[in-house]
């Protein structure tokens, strides 16, 4: 079984400032296993980056859609796992500006799995895992558009009323903010 200490030793990055005799939080114990599982099951359009291997609770997910309205773009999501994890969902913010019905221009993400309770009954539960979050975010670029509860109402209305204008506006945002 991989451990945070073992993973860091294996990677040659054990910091002398970390005291591994201190009690490790439940969150961090869960994350060691879940991060490994998440990395093994990533969609081919996603990548996970840890800026600090000592902080498994903070990372960036990069999504590069290979189909749909946002194809050709590269989108970054900042993920923070609160200490109360897995009883509470991860906090996710989109760092790339895009035209999307479920992501507003401030980067807030509307995805039921990221809510403590959701309208559709598919909200966060302690049985959910990080890989579910990655797959959910990835699906926002393919088939998981929600028009019943949009975060960006203007984008949702444009999509419902004029798909060609929506496609053009989404493409403009890709070119301006998310070009690879």
N, C-alpha and C. Protein backbone atom coordinates (compact mmCIF):
# COMPACT_ATOMS: atom_id res chain seq x y z
N UNK A 1 0.84 -1.18 0.00
CA UNK A 1 0.00 0.00 0.00
C UNK A 1 0.88 1.24 0.00
N UNK A 2 0.54 2.18 -0.83
CA UNK A 2 1.30 3.42 -0.90
C UNK A 2 0.92 4.32 0.27
N UNK A 3 1.90 4.99 0.82
CA UNK A 3 1.65 5.97 1.88
C UNK A 3 2.25 7.29 1.44
N UNK A 4 1.82 8.37 2.07
CA UNK A 4 2.37 9.67 1.74
C UNK A 4 3.88 9.67 1.97
N UNK A 5 4.31 9.13 3.09
CA UNK A 5 5.74 9.08 3.39
C UNK A 5 6.46 8.21 2.36
N UNK A 6 5.87 7.05 2.06
CA UNK A 6 6.48 6.15 1.09
C UNK A 6 6.52 6.75 -0.29
N UNK A 7 5.44 7.41 -0.70
CA UNK A 7 5.40 8.04 -2.01
C UNK A 7 6.47 9.12 -2.10
N UNK A 8 6.60 9.91 -1.06
CA UNK A 8 7.59 10.98 -1.08
C UNK A 8 9.01 10.41 -1.05
N UNK A 9 9.24 9.36 -0.28
CA UNK A 9 10.57 8.73 -0.25
C UNK A 9 10.90 8.18 -1.63
N UNK A 10 9.93 7.49 -2.23
CA UNK A 10 10.12 6.90 -3.55
C UNK A 10 10.46 7.98 -4.57
N UNK A 11 9.78 9.11 -4.47
CA UNK A 11 10.03 10.21 -5.39
C UNK A 11 11.28 11.02 -5.00
N UNK A 12 11.89 10.67 -3.88
CA UNK A 12 13.10 11.36 -3.43
C UNK A 12 12.83 12.77 -2.95
N UNK A 13 11.65 13.00 -2.44
CA UNK A 13 11.28 14.38 -2.07
C UNK A 13 10.84 14.49 -0.62
N UNK A 14 11.39 13.68 0.26
CA UNK A 14 11.03 13.78 1.67
C UNK A 14 11.66 15.05 2.24
N UNK A 15 10.82 15.85 2.82
CA UNK A 15 11.29 17.10 3.40
C UNK A 15 11.66 16.89 4.87
N UNK A 16 12.77 17.45 5.27
CA UNK A 16 13.19 17.34 6.66
C UNK A 16 12.24 18.09 7.59
N UNK A 17 11.46 19.04 7.02
CA UNK A 17 10.56 19.82 7.87
C UNK A 17 9.26 19.06 8.18
N UNK A 18 9.04 17.92 7.53
CA UNK A 18 7.82 17.15 7.79
C UNK A 18 8.12 16.12 8.86
N UNK A 19 7.32 16.14 9.89
CA UNK A 19 7.46 15.16 10.96
C UNK A 19 6.41 14.09 10.76
N UNK A 20 6.83 12.92 10.26
CA UNK A 20 5.88 11.86 9.96
C UNK A 20 5.43 11.11 11.20
N UNK A 21 5.98 11.44 12.34
CA UNK A 21 5.51 10.84 13.58
C UNK A 21 4.25 11.55 14.09
N UNK A 22 3.97 12.73 13.53
CA UNK A 22 2.75 13.44 13.90
C UNK A 22 1.57 12.68 13.34
N UNK A 23 0.45 12.88 13.94
CA UNK A 23 -0.77 12.22 13.50
C UNK A 23 -1.19 12.74 12.12
N UNK A 24 -1.40 11.84 11.19
CA UNK A 24 -1.83 12.21 9.84
C UNK A 24 -3.35 12.25 9.83
N UNK A 25 -3.90 13.27 9.23
CA UNK A 25 -5.36 13.44 9.23
C UNK A 25 -6.03 12.34 8.40
N UNK A 26 -7.29 12.12 8.69
CA UNK A 26 -8.09 11.14 7.95
C UNK A 26 -8.10 11.53 6.47
N UNK A 27 -8.26 12.82 6.20
CA UNK A 27 -8.26 13.30 4.82
C UNK A 27 -6.99 12.89 4.10
N UNK A 28 -5.84 13.13 4.72
CA UNK A 28 -4.58 12.81 4.06
C UNK A 28 -4.39 11.31 3.86
N UNK A 29 -4.87 10.51 4.79
CA UNK A 29 -4.81 9.05 4.61
C UNK A 29 -5.65 8.62 3.43
N UNK A 30 -6.85 9.18 3.31
CA UNK A 30 -7.72 8.87 2.18
C UNK A 30 -7.10 9.32 0.86
N UNK A 31 -6.49 10.49 0.88
CA UNK A 31 -5.96 11.07 -0.35
C UNK A 31 -4.81 10.25 -0.94
N UNK A 32 -4.00 9.64 -0.10
CA UNK A 32 -2.89 8.84 -0.61
C UNK A 32 -3.43 7.76 -1.56
N UNK A 33 -4.44 7.06 -1.11
CA UNK A 33 -5.03 6.00 -1.92
C UNK A 33 -5.82 6.57 -3.10
N UNK A 34 -6.63 7.59 -2.85
CA UNK A 34 -7.49 8.13 -3.90
C UNK A 34 -6.71 8.82 -5.02
N UNK A 35 -5.62 9.50 -4.67
CA UNK A 35 -4.81 10.15 -5.69
C UNK A 35 -4.21 9.11 -6.63
N UNK A 36 -3.72 8.02 -6.06
CA UNK A 36 -3.16 6.96 -6.88
C UNK A 36 -4.23 6.38 -7.81
N UNK A 37 -5.42 6.12 -7.27
CA UNK A 37 -6.52 5.59 -8.07
C UNK A 37 -6.94 6.59 -9.15
N UNK A 38 -7.01 7.85 -8.79
CA UNK A 38 -7.40 8.89 -9.73
C UNK A 38 -6.41 8.95 -10.90
N UNK A 39 -5.13 8.93 -10.59
CA UNK A 39 -4.12 9.02 -11.63
C UNK A 39 -4.15 7.82 -12.57
N UNK A 40 -4.56 6.67 -12.06
CA UNK A 40 -4.61 5.46 -12.88
C UNK A 40 -5.86 5.40 -13.77
N UNK A 41 -6.87 6.20 -13.46
CA UNK A 41 -8.13 6.13 -14.21
C UNK A 41 -8.48 7.44 -14.92
N UNK A 42 -7.50 8.29 -15.12
CA UNK A 42 -7.77 9.58 -15.77
C UNK A 42 -8.24 9.39 -17.21
N UNK A 43 -9.24 10.16 -17.63
CA UNK A 43 -9.59 10.16 -19.05
C UNK A 43 -8.38 10.68 -19.85
N UNK A 44 -8.28 10.30 -21.11
CA UNK A 44 -7.11 10.75 -21.89
C UNK A 44 -7.13 12.24 -22.17
N UNK A 45 -8.22 12.92 -21.85
CA UNK A 45 -8.31 14.37 -22.04
C UNK A 45 -7.94 15.15 -20.77
N UNK A 46 -7.55 14.44 -19.71
CA UNK A 46 -7.27 15.09 -18.42
C UNK A 46 -5.85 14.81 -17.94
N UNK A 47 -5.35 15.77 -17.17
CA UNK A 47 -4.05 15.64 -16.53
C UNK A 47 -4.16 16.27 -15.14
N UNK A 48 -3.47 15.69 -14.17
CA UNK A 48 -3.46 16.23 -12.81
C UNK A 48 -2.04 16.66 -12.48
N UNK A 49 -1.91 17.85 -11.89
CA UNK A 49 -0.60 18.39 -11.53
C UNK A 49 -0.60 18.80 -10.07
N UNK A 50 0.39 18.31 -9.33
CA UNK A 50 0.59 18.69 -7.94
C UNK A 50 1.79 19.63 -7.88
N UNK A 51 1.55 20.87 -7.46
CA UNK A 51 2.65 21.83 -7.35
C UNK A 51 3.56 21.49 -6.18
N UNK A 52 3.01 20.84 -5.16
CA UNK A 52 3.77 20.45 -3.98
C UNK A 52 3.37 19.02 -3.61
N UNK A 53 4.28 18.04 -3.75
CA UNK A 53 3.93 16.65 -3.45
C UNK A 53 3.60 16.41 -1.98
N UNK A 54 3.89 17.37 -1.11
CA UNK A 54 3.55 17.25 0.30
C UNK A 54 2.11 17.69 0.57
N UNK A 55 1.46 18.22 -0.45
CA UNK A 55 0.10 18.75 -0.29
C UNK A 55 -0.82 18.08 -1.31
N UNK A 56 -1.18 16.84 -1.03
CA UNK A 56 -2.06 16.10 -1.93
C UNK A 56 -3.47 16.68 -1.97
N UNK A 57 -3.77 17.59 -1.05
CA UNK A 57 -5.11 18.18 -0.99
C UNK A 57 -5.25 19.42 -1.87
N UNK A 58 -4.21 19.76 -2.62
CA UNK A 58 -4.28 20.89 -3.54
C UNK A 58 -3.63 20.50 -4.86
N UNK A 59 -4.40 20.59 -5.94
CA UNK A 59 -3.85 20.24 -7.24
C UNK A 59 -4.63 20.92 -8.35
N UNK A 60 -4.11 20.80 -9.56
CA UNK A 60 -4.73 21.39 -10.75
C UNK A 60 -5.12 20.25 -11.69
N UNK A 61 -6.33 20.32 -12.20
CA UNK A 61 -6.79 19.40 -13.24
C UNK A 61 -6.80 20.19 -14.54
N UNK A 62 -6.15 19.66 -15.55
CA UNK A 62 -6.16 20.27 -16.88
C UNK A 62 -7.02 19.39 -17.78
N UNK A 63 -7.96 20.01 -18.46
CA UNK A 63 -8.83 19.28 -19.38
C UNK A 63 -8.66 19.87 -20.78
N UNK A 64 -8.39 18.99 -21.74
CA UNK A 64 -8.22 19.37 -23.13
C UNK A 64 -9.26 18.58 -23.94
N UNK A 65 -10.46 19.15 -24.12
CA UNK A 65 -11.52 18.43 -24.82
C UNK A 65 -11.11 18.04 -26.24
N UNK A 66 -11.46 16.82 -26.64
CA UNK A 66 -11.13 16.36 -27.98
C UNK A 66 -12.36 16.32 -28.89
N UNK A 67 -13.46 16.91 -28.40
CA UNK A 67 -14.69 17.00 -29.18
C UNK A 67 -15.55 18.12 -28.59
N UNK A 68 -16.57 18.52 -29.31
CA UNK A 68 -17.55 19.46 -28.78
C UNK A 68 -17.20 20.92 -28.96
N UNK A 69 -17.98 21.76 -28.29
CA UNK A 69 -17.88 23.21 -28.43
C UNK A 69 -16.54 23.78 -27.96
N UNK A 70 -15.87 23.10 -27.05
CA UNK A 70 -14.64 23.63 -26.45
C UNK A 70 -13.39 22.93 -26.95
N UNK A 71 -13.52 22.13 -28.01
CA UNK A 71 -12.38 21.44 -28.59
C UNK A 71 -11.33 22.48 -29.03
N UNK A 72 -10.09 22.17 -28.79
CA UNK A 72 -9.01 23.10 -29.12
C UNK A 72 -8.59 23.96 -27.94
N UNK A 73 -9.33 23.88 -26.84
CA UNK A 73 -9.00 24.67 -25.66
C UNK A 73 -8.32 23.84 -24.59
N UNK A 74 -7.71 24.53 -23.66
CA UNK A 74 -7.04 23.91 -22.51
C UNK A 74 -7.58 24.62 -21.28
N UNK A 75 -8.24 23.85 -20.40
CA UNK A 75 -8.95 24.43 -19.27
C UNK A 75 -8.37 23.92 -17.96
N UNK A 76 -8.11 24.85 -17.05
CA UNK A 76 -7.49 24.53 -15.77
C UNK A 76 -8.50 24.69 -14.63
N UNK A 77 -8.52 23.69 -13.76
CA UNK A 77 -9.39 23.70 -12.59
C UNK A 77 -8.53 23.53 -11.34
N UNK A 78 -8.69 24.45 -10.40
CA UNK A 78 -8.00 24.36 -9.11
C UNK A 78 -8.88 23.54 -8.17
N UNK A 79 -8.27 22.54 -7.52
CA UNK A 79 -9.01 21.68 -6.61
C UNK A 79 -8.39 21.78 -5.23
N UNK A 80 -9.25 22.02 -4.25
CA UNK A 80 -8.81 22.03 -2.84
C UNK A 80 -9.69 21.04 -2.09
N UNK A 81 -9.05 20.13 -1.37
CA UNK A 81 -9.77 19.13 -0.58
C UNK A 81 -9.80 19.62 0.87
N UNK A 82 -10.98 19.95 1.39
CA UNK A 82 -11.06 20.45 2.77
C UNK A 82 -10.72 19.36 3.79
N UNK A 83 -10.37 19.77 4.96
CA UNK A 83 -10.01 18.84 6.04
C UNK A 83 -11.16 17.88 6.35
N UNK A 84 -12.38 18.29 6.12
CA UNK A 84 -13.57 17.48 6.42
C UNK A 84 -13.85 16.42 5.36
N UNK A 85 -13.01 16.34 4.34
CA UNK A 85 -13.17 15.35 3.28
C UNK A 85 -13.12 13.96 3.89
N UNK A 86 -13.89 13.10 3.60
CA UNK A 86 -14.78 12.81 2.53
C UNK A 86 -16.24 13.04 2.89
N UNK A 87 -16.45 13.69 4.00
CA UNK A 87 -17.82 14.06 4.39
C UNK A 87 -18.28 15.30 3.62
N UNK A 88 -17.35 16.11 3.16
CA UNK A 88 -17.69 17.28 2.35
C UNK A 88 -16.96 17.16 1.01
N UNK A 89 -17.54 17.73 -0.03
CA UNK A 89 -16.94 17.61 -1.36
C UNK A 89 -15.72 18.51 -1.53
N UNK A 90 -14.90 18.20 -2.53
CA UNK A 90 -13.79 19.09 -2.86
C UNK A 90 -14.31 20.44 -3.33
N UNK A 91 -13.49 21.46 -3.19
CA UNK A 91 -13.81 22.79 -3.69
C UNK A 91 -13.09 22.94 -5.03
N UNK A 92 -13.84 23.29 -6.07
CA UNK A 92 -13.29 23.36 -7.42
C UNK A 92 -13.58 24.72 -8.02
N UNK A 93 -12.56 25.31 -8.66
CA UNK A 93 -12.73 26.59 -9.34
C UNK A 93 -12.07 26.48 -10.71
N UNK A 94 -12.77 26.95 -11.73
CA UNK A 94 -12.21 26.98 -13.07
C UNK A 94 -11.33 28.22 -13.19
N UNK A 95 -10.08 28.03 -13.55
CA UNK A 95 -9.13 29.13 -13.66
C UNK A 95 -9.10 29.74 -15.06
N UNK A 96 -9.75 29.08 -16.01
CA UNK A 96 -9.77 29.52 -17.40
C UNK A 96 -11.14 30.10 -17.72
N UNK A 97 -11.16 31.29 -18.25
CA UNK A 97 -12.43 31.92 -18.60
C UNK A 97 -13.02 31.20 -19.81
N UNK A 98 -14.31 30.83 -19.71
CA UNK A 98 -14.96 30.17 -20.83
C UNK A 98 -16.45 30.46 -20.84
N UNK A 99 -17.06 30.25 -22.00
CA UNK A 99 -18.50 30.46 -22.19
C UNK A 99 -19.16 29.10 -22.05
N UNK A 100 -19.82 28.89 -20.89
CA UNK A 100 -20.36 27.57 -20.56
C UNK A 100 -21.57 27.76 -19.66
N UNK A 101 -22.66 27.01 -19.87
CA UNK A 101 -23.84 27.18 -19.02
C UNK A 101 -23.62 26.76 -17.57
N UNK A 102 -22.67 25.88 -17.30
CA UNK A 102 -22.47 25.38 -15.94
C UNK A 102 -21.20 25.89 -15.27
N UNK A 103 -20.53 26.86 -15.90
CA UNK A 103 -19.34 27.49 -15.31
C UNK A 103 -19.48 28.97 -15.57
N UNK A 104 -19.50 29.76 -14.50
CA UNK A 104 -19.68 31.19 -14.73
C UNK A 104 -18.34 31.87 -15.01
N UNK A 105 -18.41 33.15 -15.32
CA UNK A 105 -17.21 33.88 -15.71
C UNK A 105 -16.25 34.11 -14.54
N UNK A 106 -16.71 33.87 -13.31
CA UNK A 106 -15.83 33.95 -12.13
C UNK A 106 -15.17 32.62 -11.82
N UNK A 107 -15.51 31.58 -12.57
CA UNK A 107 -14.88 30.27 -12.38
C UNK A 107 -15.64 29.32 -11.47
N UNK A 108 -16.81 29.74 -10.99
CA UNK A 108 -17.61 28.83 -10.17
C UNK A 108 -18.16 27.73 -11.06
N UNK A 109 -18.21 26.51 -10.51
CA UNK A 109 -18.63 25.35 -11.28
C UNK A 109 -19.93 24.79 -10.71
N UNK A 110 -20.91 24.57 -11.58
CA UNK A 110 -22.17 23.96 -11.19
C UNK A 110 -22.15 22.51 -11.66
N UNK A 111 -21.86 21.61 -10.72
CA UNK A 111 -21.81 20.18 -10.98
C UNK A 111 -22.36 19.51 -9.74
N UNK A 112 -23.41 18.72 -9.89
CA UNK A 112 -24.12 18.19 -8.73
C UNK A 112 -23.20 17.42 -7.77
N UNK A 113 -22.22 16.72 -8.29
CA UNK A 113 -21.32 15.95 -7.42
C UNK A 113 -20.51 16.85 -6.48
N UNK A 114 -20.40 18.13 -6.80
CA UNK A 114 -19.65 19.07 -5.96
C UNK A 114 -20.51 19.76 -4.92
N UNK A 115 -21.78 19.38 -4.85
CA UNK A 115 -22.70 19.98 -3.89
C UNK A 115 -23.00 19.01 -2.76
N UNK A 116 -23.11 19.55 -1.57
CA UNK A 116 -23.47 18.74 -0.41
C UNK A 116 -24.83 18.09 -0.63
N UNK A 117 -25.76 18.87 -1.18
CA UNK A 117 -27.07 18.34 -1.55
C UNK A 117 -27.42 18.98 -2.89
N UNK A 118 -28.04 18.21 -3.76
CA UNK A 118 -28.35 18.74 -5.08
C UNK A 118 -29.79 18.43 -5.46
N UNK A 119 -30.29 19.19 -6.40
CA UNK A 119 -31.66 19.05 -6.86
C UNK A 119 -31.91 17.65 -7.42
N UNK A 120 -30.93 17.13 -8.16
CA UNK A 120 -31.12 15.84 -8.84
C UNK A 120 -30.82 14.63 -7.95
N UNK A 121 -30.46 14.87 -6.69
CA UNK A 121 -30.18 13.77 -5.79
C UNK A 121 -28.83 13.10 -6.04
N UNK A 122 -28.02 13.68 -6.91
CA UNK A 122 -26.73 13.10 -7.27
C UNK A 122 -25.57 13.84 -6.60
N UNK A 123 -25.84 14.53 -5.51
CA UNK A 123 -24.83 15.33 -4.84
C UNK A 123 -23.75 14.49 -4.19
N UNK A 124 -22.89 15.18 -3.46
CA UNK A 124 -21.75 14.54 -2.82
C UNK A 124 -22.21 13.54 -1.78
N UNK A 125 -21.50 12.45 -1.69
CA UNK A 125 -21.70 11.43 -0.66
C UNK A 125 -20.33 10.90 -0.27
N UNK A 126 -20.16 10.43 0.95
CA UNK A 126 -18.85 9.92 1.38
C UNK A 126 -18.33 8.76 0.53
N UNK A 127 -19.20 8.14 -0.24
CA UNK A 127 -18.76 7.04 -1.11
C UNK A 127 -18.15 7.54 -2.42
N UNK A 128 -18.28 8.83 -2.70
CA UNK A 128 -17.69 9.41 -3.91
C UNK A 128 -16.18 9.52 -3.74
N UNK A 129 -15.49 9.59 -4.87
CA UNK A 129 -14.03 9.66 -4.86
C UNK A 129 -13.56 10.75 -5.80
N UNK A 130 -12.27 11.07 -5.71
CA UNK A 130 -11.69 12.10 -6.56
C UNK A 130 -11.84 11.77 -8.04
N UNK A 131 -11.72 10.49 -8.38
CA UNK A 131 -11.85 10.11 -9.79
C UNK A 131 -13.25 10.47 -10.31
N UNK A 132 -14.27 10.42 -9.45
CA UNK A 132 -15.62 10.81 -9.85
C UNK A 132 -15.69 12.30 -10.18
N UNK A 133 -14.95 13.10 -9.41
CA UNK A 133 -14.91 14.54 -9.65
C UNK A 133 -14.24 14.82 -10.99
N UNK A 134 -13.12 14.15 -11.26
CA UNK A 134 -12.41 14.36 -12.53
C UNK A 134 -13.31 13.99 -13.71
N UNK A 135 -13.95 12.83 -13.63
CA UNK A 135 -14.82 12.40 -14.71
C UNK A 135 -16.02 13.33 -14.87
N UNK A 136 -16.54 13.85 -13.76
CA UNK A 136 -17.65 14.81 -13.82
C UNK A 136 -17.24 16.10 -14.50
N UNK A 137 -16.08 16.63 -14.14
CA UNK A 137 -15.59 17.86 -14.77
C UNK A 137 -15.36 17.62 -16.26
N UNK A 138 -14.76 16.49 -16.59
CA UNK A 138 -14.51 16.16 -17.99
C UNK A 138 -15.83 16.09 -18.77
N UNK A 139 -16.86 15.55 -18.14
CA UNK A 139 -18.16 15.41 -18.81
C UNK A 139 -18.83 16.75 -19.08
N UNK A 140 -18.44 17.79 -18.34
CA UNK A 140 -19.00 19.12 -18.62
C UNK A 140 -18.63 19.60 -20.02
N UNK A 141 -17.63 18.99 -20.62
CA UNK A 141 -17.20 19.39 -21.95
C UNK A 141 -17.75 18.47 -23.04
N UNK A 142 -18.54 17.48 -22.64
CA UNK A 142 -19.08 16.56 -23.63
C UNK A 142 -20.59 16.45 -23.52
N UNK A 143 -21.08 15.74 -22.52
CA UNK A 143 -22.50 15.40 -22.49
C UNK A 143 -23.24 15.80 -21.22
N UNK A 144 -22.61 16.50 -20.32
CA UNK A 144 -23.23 16.78 -19.02
C UNK A 144 -23.62 18.25 -18.87
N UNK A 145 -24.16 18.83 -19.92
CA UNK A 145 -24.62 20.22 -19.82
C UNK A 145 -25.97 20.24 -19.13
N UNK A 146 -26.12 21.14 -18.16
CA UNK A 146 -27.36 21.21 -17.39
C UNK A 146 -28.01 22.57 -17.64
N UNK A 147 -29.20 22.54 -18.24
CA UNK A 147 -29.89 23.78 -18.54
C UNK A 147 -31.02 24.05 -17.56
N UNK A 148 -31.31 23.09 -16.67
CA UNK A 148 -32.35 23.29 -15.67
C UNK A 148 -31.88 24.19 -14.53
N UNK A 149 -30.60 24.17 -14.26
CA UNK A 149 -30.02 24.94 -13.16
C UNK A 149 -28.68 25.53 -13.60
N UNK A 150 -28.70 26.41 -14.64
CA UNK A 150 -27.43 26.93 -15.15
C UNK A 150 -26.80 27.96 -14.22
N UNK A 151 -25.51 27.99 -14.22
CA UNK A 151 -24.77 28.99 -13.46
C UNK A 151 -24.57 30.24 -14.31
N UNK A 152 -24.40 30.03 -15.61
CA UNK A 152 -24.30 31.13 -16.56
C UNK A 152 -25.59 31.11 -17.40
N UNK A 153 -26.59 31.85 -16.93
CA UNK A 153 -27.91 31.84 -17.56
C UNK A 153 -27.85 32.36 -18.99
N UNK A 154 -27.01 33.35 -19.25
CA UNK A 154 -26.89 33.89 -20.61
C UNK A 154 -26.38 32.82 -21.58
N UNK A 155 -25.41 32.03 -21.15
CA UNK A 155 -24.89 30.96 -22.00
C UNK A 155 -25.95 29.90 -22.24
N UNK A 156 -26.68 29.54 -21.20
CA UNK A 156 -27.74 28.53 -21.34
C UNK A 156 -28.84 29.02 -22.28
N UNK A 157 -29.26 30.27 -22.12
CA UNK A 157 -30.30 30.83 -22.98
C UNK A 157 -29.84 30.87 -24.44
N UNK A 158 -28.60 31.28 -24.67
CA UNK A 158 -28.08 31.34 -26.02
C UNK A 158 -28.05 29.94 -26.65
N UNK A 159 -27.62 28.96 -25.87
CA UNK A 159 -27.58 27.58 -26.37
C UNK A 159 -28.98 27.11 -26.76
N UNK A 160 -29.94 27.36 -25.90
CA UNK A 160 -31.31 26.89 -26.15
C UNK A 160 -31.97 27.61 -27.33
N UNK A 161 -31.61 28.88 -27.55
CA UNK A 161 -32.27 29.68 -28.59
C UNK A 161 -31.51 29.76 -29.91
N UNK A 162 -30.17 29.62 -29.86
CA UNK A 162 -29.38 29.78 -31.09
C UNK A 162 -28.05 29.03 -30.94
N UNK A 163 -28.10 27.74 -31.24
CA UNK A 163 -26.91 26.89 -31.05
C UNK A 163 -25.71 27.36 -31.86
N UNK A 164 -25.94 27.91 -33.04
CA UNK A 164 -24.82 28.37 -33.87
C UNK A 164 -24.13 29.58 -33.22
N UNK A 165 -24.91 30.51 -32.69
CA UNK A 165 -24.31 31.65 -31.98
C UNK A 165 -23.58 31.19 -30.72
N UNK A 166 -24.16 30.20 -30.03
CA UNK A 166 -23.49 29.65 -28.85
C UNK A 166 -22.15 29.05 -29.25
N UNK A 167 -22.16 28.24 -30.32
CA UNK A 167 -20.92 27.62 -30.80
C UNK A 167 -19.86 28.68 -31.12
N UNK A 168 -20.28 29.75 -31.79
CA UNK A 168 -19.35 30.82 -32.16
C UNK A 168 -18.78 31.52 -30.92
N UNK A 169 -19.65 31.80 -29.95
CA UNK A 169 -19.19 32.49 -28.74
C UNK A 169 -18.26 31.59 -27.92
N UNK A 170 -18.61 30.31 -27.79
CA UNK A 170 -17.75 29.36 -27.07
C UNK A 170 -16.39 29.29 -27.75
N UNK A 171 -16.40 29.26 -29.09
CA UNK A 171 -15.14 29.19 -29.85
C UNK A 171 -14.31 30.47 -29.66
N UNK A 172 -14.97 31.63 -29.64
CA UNK A 172 -14.26 32.91 -29.40
C UNK A 172 -13.55 32.88 -28.05
N UNK A 173 -14.22 32.36 -27.02
CA UNK A 173 -13.61 32.27 -25.69
C UNK A 173 -12.43 31.30 -25.70
N UNK A 174 -12.56 30.20 -26.41
CA UNK A 174 -11.45 29.24 -26.52
C UNK A 174 -10.25 29.93 -27.13
N UNK A 175 -10.47 30.65 -28.24
CA UNK A 175 -9.36 31.33 -28.91
C UNK A 175 -8.74 32.40 -28.01
N UNK A 176 -9.58 33.17 -27.33
CA UNK A 176 -9.08 34.28 -26.51
C UNK A 176 -8.45 33.84 -25.19
N UNK A 177 -9.03 32.82 -24.53
CA UNK A 177 -8.58 32.50 -23.17
C UNK A 177 -8.00 31.10 -22.97
N UNK A 178 -8.27 30.18 -23.90
CA UNK A 178 -7.92 28.78 -23.62
C UNK A 178 -7.14 28.12 -24.75
N UNK A 179 -6.61 28.89 -25.66
CA UNK A 179 -5.91 28.30 -26.79
C UNK A 179 -4.69 27.53 -26.31
N UNK A 180 -4.54 26.31 -26.84
CA UNK A 180 -3.38 25.48 -26.47
C UNK A 180 -2.11 26.02 -27.00
